[in-house]
Amino acid sequence: MRFLSWLVDLVIINVLTIVCAVPIVTAGASFTAMNYVLLHKARDNETYIGKMFFHSFRDNLKQGILCGLIYLVIGLIAGVDLYVLHIFDMKATTALMIILSVVSCFIFVTAVYVFGLLARYENTVSGTFRNAIQLTIAHLPLTLVMIVIWMAWLFVLWYFPKTTVLLFLLFGFSLPGFLCALLYDPIFRKMEETE
């Protein structure tokens, strides 16, 4: 029953995240709110999911929007670059595509830390990004595990096309997000103990 309750909670969190991220501009605030609830869930002290989600969404709206837009612009630039390199399809472009893909993974995983930090701590946007980059590098093994989690999830969604939409709607962001929250929560706890 606890496992089923846990799955239902992840579905609710995922649906709230998707709905609040639909106007693209608010995606950053939505991912911040998702991480806020997932961190509480990882610490086993969440109460009302909807109430917690919207509380965090309102509190982090401005910074969440700004962080989300920064990642949107970076993602668009990386996507266009990869597409252009794919069109030329030469040996030199293949090497550039690999380098760009590695850099994109690094940037993506900093987003996991950025929205986690934004959900948990008060800081400026630049301070949040700086801390996220430091955590990404300082905890490289965990960072690589987070990349593997997201890649494995994308693999599942890609290679099971009949269930892709259903899986995305049910657990698209919340399942890998929760697994990542379980990984970075001990780092946050150590930071809090140090402070």
C-alpha atoms as a PDB file:
ATOM      1  CA  MET A   1       0.000   0.000   0.000  1.00  0.00           C
ATOM      2  CA  ARG A   2       2.874   2.365   0.756  1.00  0.00           C
ATOM      3  CA  PHE A   3       4.421   1.599  -2.624  1.00  0.00           C
ATOM      4  CA  LEU A   4       1.108   2.275  -4.406  1.00  0.00           C
ATOM      5  CA  SER A   5       0.698   5.494  -2.429  1.00  0.00           C
ATOM      6  CA  TRP A   6       4.242   6.489  -3.451  1.00  0.00           C
ATOM      7  CA  LEU A   7       3.406   5.830  -7.142  1.00  0.00           C
ATOM      8  CA  VAL A   8       0.188   7.861  -6.928  1.00  0.00           C
ATOM      9  CA  ASP A   9       2.098  10.745  -5.332  1.00  0.00           C
ATOM     10  CA  LEU A  10       4.610  10.695  -8.192  1.00  0.00           C
ATOM     11  CA  VAL A  11       1.752  10.752 -10.722  1.00  0.00           C
ATOM     12  CA  ILE A  12       0.162  13.770  -8.993  1.00  0.00           C
ATOM     13  CA  ILE A  13       3.502  15.588  -8.842  1.00  0.00           C
ATOM     14  CA  ASN A  14       4.157  14.834 -12.514  1.00  0.00           C
ATOM     15  CA  VAL A  15       0.726  16.037 -13.662  1.00  0.00           C
ATOM     16  CA  LEU A  16       1.088  19.271 -11.658  1.00  0.00           C
ATOM     17  CA  THR A  17       4.555  19.798 -13.145  1.00  0.00           C
ATOM     18  CA  ILE A  18       3.359  19.304 -16.730  1.00  0.00           C
ATOM     19  CA  VAL A  19       0.268  21.491 -16.301  1.00  0.00           C
ATOM     20  CA  CYS A  20       2.244  24.346 -14.718  1.00  0.00           C
ATOM     21  CA  ALA A  21       5.033  24.038 -17.315  1.00  0.00           C
ATOM     22  CA  VAL A  22       2.656  24.233 -20.307  1.00  0.00           C
ATOM     23  CA  PRO A  23       3.044  27.997 -20.740  1.00  0.00           C
ATOM     24  CA  ILE A  24       6.803  27.232 -21.320  1.00  0.00           C
ATOM     25  CA  VAL A  25       7.710  30.499 -19.545  1.00  0.00           C
ATOM     26  CA  THR A  26       6.690  29.026 -16.177  1.00  0.00           C
ATOM     27  CA  ALA A  27       8.528  25.719 -16.730  1.00  0.00           C
ATOM     28  CA  GLY A  28      11.391  26.766 -14.438  1.00  0.00           C
ATOM     29  CA  ALA A  29       9.028  27.602 -11.585  1.00  0.00           C
ATOM     30  CA  SER A  30       7.205  24.321 -12.199  1.00  0.00           C
ATOM     31  CA  PHE A  31      10.420  22.262 -12.013  1.00  0.00           C
ATOM     32  CA  THR A  32      11.431  24.151  -8.869  1.00  0.00           C
ATOM     33  CA  ALA A  33       8.092  23.324  -7.235  1.00  0.00           C
ATOM     34  CA  MET A  34       8.460  19.695  -8.321  1.00  0.00           C
ATOM     35  CA  ASN A  35      11.905  19.509  -6.706  1.00  0.00           C
ATOM     36  CA  TYR A  36      10.556  21.140  -3.550  1.00  0.00           C
ATOM     37  CA  VAL A  37       7.941  18.407  -3.133  1.00  0.00           C
ATOM     38  CA  LEU A  38      10.341  15.625  -4.182  1.00  0.00           C
ATOM     39  CA  LEU A  39      12.933  16.765  -1.638  1.00  0.00           C
ATOM     40  CA  HIS A  40      10.301  16.634   1.088  1.00  0.00           C
ATOM     41  CA  LYS A  41       9.254  13.215  -0.203  1.00  0.00           C
ATOM     42  CA  ALA A  42      12.889  12.035  -0.151  1.00  0.00           C
ATOM     43  CA  ARG A  43      13.058  13.156   3.498  1.00  0.00           C
ATOM     44  CA  ASP A  44       9.729  11.451   4.135  1.00  0.00           C
ATOM     45  CA  ASN A  45       8.127  14.615   5.517  1.00  0.00           C
ATOM     46  CA  GLU A  46       5.731  15.736   2.793  1.00  0.00           C
ATOM     47  CA  THR A  47       2.151  16.576   3.722  1.00  0.00           C
ATOM     48  CA  TYR A  48      -0.279  17.873   1.122  1.00  0.00           C
ATOM     49  CA  ILE A  49       1.378  17.584  -2.270  1.00  0.00           C
ATOM     50  CA  GLY A  50      -0.782  20.132  -4.097  1.00  0.00           C
ATOM     51  CA  LYS A  51      -0.492  22.692  -1.318  1.00  0.00           C
ATOM     52  CA  MET A  52       3.297  22.286  -1.108  1.00  0.00           C
ATOM     53  CA  PHE A  53       3.678  22.408  -4.884  1.00  0.00           C
ATOM     54  CA  PHE A  54       1.756  25.648  -5.344  1.00  0.00           C
ATOM     55  CA  HIS A  55       3.378  27.228  -2.284  1.00  0.00           C
ATOM     56  CA  SER A  56       6.811  26.671  -3.825  1.00  0.00           C
ATOM     57  CA  PHE A  57       5.566  27.630  -7.293  1.00  0.00           C
ATOM     58  CA  ARG A  58       4.409  31.047  -6.017  1.00  0.00           C
ATOM     59  CA  ASP A  59       7.493  31.639  -3.854  1.00  0.00           C
ATOM     60  CA  ASN A  60       9.961  30.834  -6.656  1.00  0.00           C
ATOM     61  CA  LEU A  61       8.003  32.160  -9.624  1.00  0.00           C
ATOM     62  CA  LYS A  62      10.335  35.027 -10.619  1.00  0.00           C
ATOM     63  CA  GLN A  63      13.616  33.192 -10.143  1.00  0.00           C
ATOM     64  CA  GLY A  64      12.161  29.979 -11.570  1.00  0.00           C
ATOM     65  CA  ILE A  65      11.025  31.775 -14.723  1.00  0.00           C
ATOM     66  CA  LEU A  66      14.456  33.357 -15.176  1.00  0.00           C
ATOM     67  CA  CYS A  67      16.328  30.071 -14.637  1.00  0.00           C
ATOM     68  CA  GLY A  68      13.910  28.243 -16.942  1.00  0.00           C
ATOM     69  CA  LEU A  69      14.363  30.828 -19.714  1.00  0.00           C
ATOM     70  CA  ILE A  70      18.158  30.606 -19.407  1.00  0.00           C
ATOM     71  CA  TYR A  71      18.013  26.834 -19.862  1.00  0.00           C
ATOM     72  CA  LEU A  72      15.492  27.182 -22.691  1.00  0.00           C
ATOM     73  CA  VAL A  73      17.839  29.498 -24.621  1.00  0.00           C
ATOM     74  CA  ILE A  74      20.825  27.212 -23.952  1.00  0.00           C
ATOM     75  CA  GLY A  75      18.793  24.183 -25.041  1.00  0.00           C
ATOM     76  CA  LEU A  76      17.663  25.882 -28.254  1.00  0.00           C
ATOM     77  CA  ILE A  77      21.230  26.898 -29.126  1.00  0.00           C
ATOM     78  CA  ALA A  78      22.539  23.374 -28.439  1.00  0.00           C
ATOM     79  CA  GLY A  79      19.657  21.816 -30.419  1.00  0.00           C
ATOM     80  CA  VAL A  80      20.233  24.044 -33.445  1.00  0.00           C
ATOM     81  CA  ASP A  81      23.996  23.381 -33.310  1.00  0.00           C
ATOM     82  CA  LEU A  82      23.465  19.604 -33.156  1.00  0.00           C
ATOM     83  CA  TYR A  83      20.966  19.753 -36.025  1.00  0.00           C
ATOM     84  CA  VAL A  84      23.335  21.793 -38.226  1.00  0.00           C
ATOM     85  CA  LEU A  85      26.242  19.449 -37.451  1.00  0.00           C
ATOM     86  CA  HIS A  86      24.016  16.447 -38.233  1.00  0.00           C
ATOM     87  CA  ILE A  87      23.158  17.887 -41.662  1.00  0.00           C
ATOM     88  CA  PHE A  88      26.830  18.133 -42.704  1.00  0.00           C
ATOM     89  CA  ASP A  89      27.602  14.584 -41.472  1.00  0.00           C
ATOM     90  CA  MET A  90      31.409  14.560 -41.793  1.00  0.00           C
ATOM     91  CA  LYS A  91      34.118  13.075 -39.541  1.00  0.00           C
ATOM     92  CA  ALA A  92      34.978  16.493 -38.116  1.00  0.00           C
ATOM     93  CA  THR A  93      31.327  17.228 -37.362  1.00  0.00           C
ATOM     94  CA  THR A  94      30.920  13.853 -35.643  1.00  0.00           C
ATOM     95  CA  ALA A  95      33.677  14.777 -33.175  1.00  0.00           C
ATOM     96  CA  LEU A  96      32.045  18.175 -32.627  1.00  0.00           C
ATOM     97  CA  MET A  97      28.658  16.489 -32.091  1.00  0.00           C
ATOM     98  CA  ILE A  98      30.164  14.228 -29.405  1.00  0.00           C
ATOM     99  CA  ILE A  99      31.783  17.195 -27.647  1.00  0.00           C
ATOM    100  CA  LEU A 100      28.558  19.217 -27.853  1.00  0.00           C
ATOM    101  CA  SER A 101      26.547  16.260 -26.539  1.00  0.00           C
ATOM    102  CA  VAL A 102      28.867  15.866 -23.526  1.00  0.00           C
ATOM    103  CA  VAL A 103      28.687  19.608 -22.803  1.00  0.00           C
ATOM    104  CA  SER A 104      24.884  19.486 -23.166  1.00  0.00           C
ATOM    105  CA  CYS A 105      24.684  16.620 -20.645  1.00  0.00           C
ATOM    106  CA  PHE A 106      26.801  18.638 -18.224  1.00  0.00           C
ATOM    107  CA  ILE A 107      24.570  21.690 -18.664  1.00  0.00           C
ATOM    108  CA  PHE A 108      21.441  19.555 -18.280  1.00  0.00           C
ATOM    109  CA  VAL A 109      22.642  18.016 -15.023  1.00  0.00           C
ATOM    110  CA  THR A 110      23.455  21.461 -13.628  1.00  0.00           C
ATOM    111  CA  ALA A 111      19.736  22.165 -14.151  1.00  0.00           C
ATOM    112  CA  VAL A 112      18.938  19.294 -11.782  1.00  0.00           C
ATOM    113  CA  TYR A 113      21.061  21.010  -9.133  1.00  0.00           C
ATOM    114  CA  VAL A 114      19.805  24.521 -10.005  1.00  0.00           C
ATOM    115  CA  PHE A 115      16.134  23.678  -9.512  1.00  0.00           C
ATOM    116  CA  GLY A 116      16.948  21.610  -6.420  1.00  0.00           C
ATOM    117  CA  LEU A 117      18.918  24.491  -4.897  1.00  0.00           C
ATOM    118  CA  LEU A 118      16.242  26.989  -5.873  1.00  0.00           C
ATOM    119  CA  ALA A 119      13.610  24.817  -4.204  1.00  0.00           C
ATOM    120  CA  ARG A 120      15.587  24.499  -0.974  1.00  0.00           C
ATOM    121  CA  TYR A 121      17.592  27.705  -0.466  1.00  0.00           C
ATOM    122  CA  GLU A 122      17.228  31.435  -0.934  1.00  0.00           C
ATOM    123  CA  ASN A 123      19.920  32.873  -3.172  1.00  0.00           C
ATOM    124  CA  THR A 124      20.395  35.072  -6.226  1.00  0.00           C
ATOM    125  CA  VAL A 125      20.073  33.474  -9.656  1.00  0.00           C
ATOM    126  CA  SER A 126      23.797  33.894 -10.307  1.00  0.00           C
ATOM    127  CA  GLY A 127      24.608  32.445  -6.871  1.00  0.00           C
ATOM    128  CA  THR A 128      22.344  29.471  -7.539  1.00  0.00           C
ATOM    129  CA  PHE A 129      24.032  28.788 -10.892  1.00  0.00           C
ATOM    130  CA  ARG A 130      27.485  29.145  -9.356  1.00  0.00           C
ATOM    131  CA  ASN A 131      26.625  26.716  -6.547  1.00  0.00           C
ATOM    132  CA  ALA A 132      25.054  24.261  -9.006  1.00  0.00           C
ATOM    133  CA  ILE A 133      28.186  24.217 -11.170  1.00  0.00           C
ATOM    134  CA  GLN A 134      30.373  23.701  -8.078  1.00  0.00           C
ATOM    135  CA  LEU A 135      28.176  20.813  -6.874  1.00  0.00           C
ATOM    136  CA  THR A 136      28.160  19.267 -10.350  1.00  0.00           C
ATOM    137  CA  ILE A 137      31.956  19.199 -10.437  1.00  0.00           C
ATOM    138  CA  ALA A 138      32.571  18.439  -6.735  1.00  0.00           C
ATOM    139  CA  HIS A 139      30.242  15.426  -6.782  1.00  0.00           C
ATOM    140  CA  LEU A 140      31.107  14.108 -10.227  1.00  0.00           C
ATOM    141  CA  PRO A 141      30.284  10.417  -9.520  1.00  0.00           C
ATOM    142  CA  LEU A 142      26.759  11.354  -8.353  1.00  0.00           C
ATOM    143  CA  THR A 143      26.453  13.737 -11.286  1.00  0.00           C
ATOM    144  CA  LEU A 144      27.270  10.892 -13.683  1.00  0.00           C
ATOM    145  CA  VAL A 145      24.686   8.667 -11.984  1.00  0.00           C
ATOM    146  CA  MET A 146      22.078  11.405 -12.469  1.00  0.00           C
ATOM    147  CA  ILE A 147      22.948  11.601 -16.161  1.00  0.00           C
ATOM    148  CA  VAL A 148      22.595   7.805 -16.413  1.00  0.00           C
ATOM    149  CA  ILE A 149      19.187   7.958 -14.681  1.00  0.00           C
ATOM    150  CA  TRP A 150      17.852  10.530 -17.147  1.00  0.00           C
ATOM    151  CA  MET A 151      19.420   8.778 -20.155  1.00  0.00           C
ATOM    152  CA  ALA A 152      17.958   5.432 -19.093  1.00  0.00           C
ATOM    153  CA  TRP A 153      14.537   7.042 -18.667  1.00  0.00           C
ATOM    154  CA  LEU A 154      14.767   8.683 -22.110  1.00  0.00           C
ATOM    155  CA  PHE A 155      15.803   5.299 -23.525  1.00  0.00           C
ATOM    156  CA  VAL A 156      12.690   3.690 -22.009  1.00  0.00           C
ATOM    157  CA  LEU A 157      10.449   6.425 -23.404  1.00  0.00           C
ATOM    158  CA  TRP A 158      12.083   6.258 -26.844  1.00  0.00           C
ATOM    159  CA  TYR A 159      12.180   2.471 -27.298  1.00  0.00           C
ATOM    160  CA  PHE A 160       8.686   1.717 -26.052  1.00  0.00           C
ATOM    161  CA  PRO A 161       6.674   4.026 -28.323  1.00  0.00           C
ATOM    162  CA  LYS A 162       3.318   2.403 -27.532  1.00  0.00           C
ATOM    163  CA  THR A 163       3.590   3.424 -23.890  1.00  0.00           C
ATOM    164  CA  THR A 164       5.631   6.625 -24.274  1.00  0.00           C
ATOM    165  CA  VAL A 165       2.739   9.070 -23.896  1.00  0.00           C
ATOM    166  CA  LEU A 166       1.250   7.225 -20.933  1.00  0.00           C
ATOM    167  CA  LEU A 167       4.601   6.878 -19.150  1.00  0.00           C
ATOM    168  CA  PHE A 168       5.411  10.530 -19.811  1.00  0.00           C
ATOM    169  CA  LEU A 169       2.057  11.714 -18.458  1.00  0.00           C
ATOM    170  CA  LEU A 170       2.337   9.498 -15.373  1.00  0.00           C
ATOM    171  CA  PHE A 171       6.039   9.698 -14.481  1.00  0.00           C
ATOM    172  CA  GLY A 172       7.782  11.792 -17.184  1.00  0.00           C
ATOM    173  CA  PHE A 173       9.563  14.194 -14.832  1.00  0.00           C
ATOM    174  CA  SER A 174       8.682  13.003 -11.339  1.00  0.00           C
ATOM    175  CA  LEU A 175      10.259   9.525 -11.394  1.00  0.00           C
ATOM    176  CA  PRO A 176      13.770  10.493 -12.583  1.00  0.00           C
ATOM    177  CA  GLY A 177      13.442  13.719 -10.576  1.00  0.00           C
ATOM    178  CA  PHE A 178      12.733  11.745  -7.409  1.00  0.00           C
ATOM    179  CA  LEU A 179      15.681   9.398  -8.002  1.00  0.00           C
ATOM    180  CA  CYS A 180      17.935  12.434  -8.466  1.00  0.00           C
ATOM    181  CA  ALA A 181      16.491  14.059  -5.316  1.00  0.00           C
ATOM    182  CA  LEU A 182      17.432  10.923  -3.374  1.00  0.00           C
ATOM    183  CA  LEU A 183      21.005  11.388  -4.650  1.00  0.00           C
ATOM    184  CA  TYR A 184      21.475  15.107  -4.011  1.00  0.00           C
ATOM    185  CA  ASP A 185      19.532  15.274  -0.729  1.00  0.00           C
ATOM    186  CA  PRO A 186      22.480  13.887   1.319  1.00  0.00           C
ATOM    187  CA  ILE A 187      24.677  16.613  -0.230  1.00  0.00           C
ATOM    188  CA  PHE A 188      22.152  19.254   0.840  1.00  0.00           C
ATOM    189  CA  ARG A 189      21.982  17.742   4.335  1.00  0.00           C
ATOM    190  CA  LYS A 190      25.777  17.974   4.678  1.00  0.00           C
ATOM    191  CA  MET A 191      25.675  21.590   3.518  1.00  0.00           C
ATOM    192  CA  GLU A 192      22.999  22.362   6.100  1.00  0.00           C
ATOM    193  CA  GLU A 193      24.946  20.635   8.871  1.00  0.00           C
ATOM    194  CA  THR A 194      28.074  22.605   7.920  1.00  0.00           C
ATOM    195  CA  GLU A 195      26.156  25.861   8.078  1.00  0.00           C
END
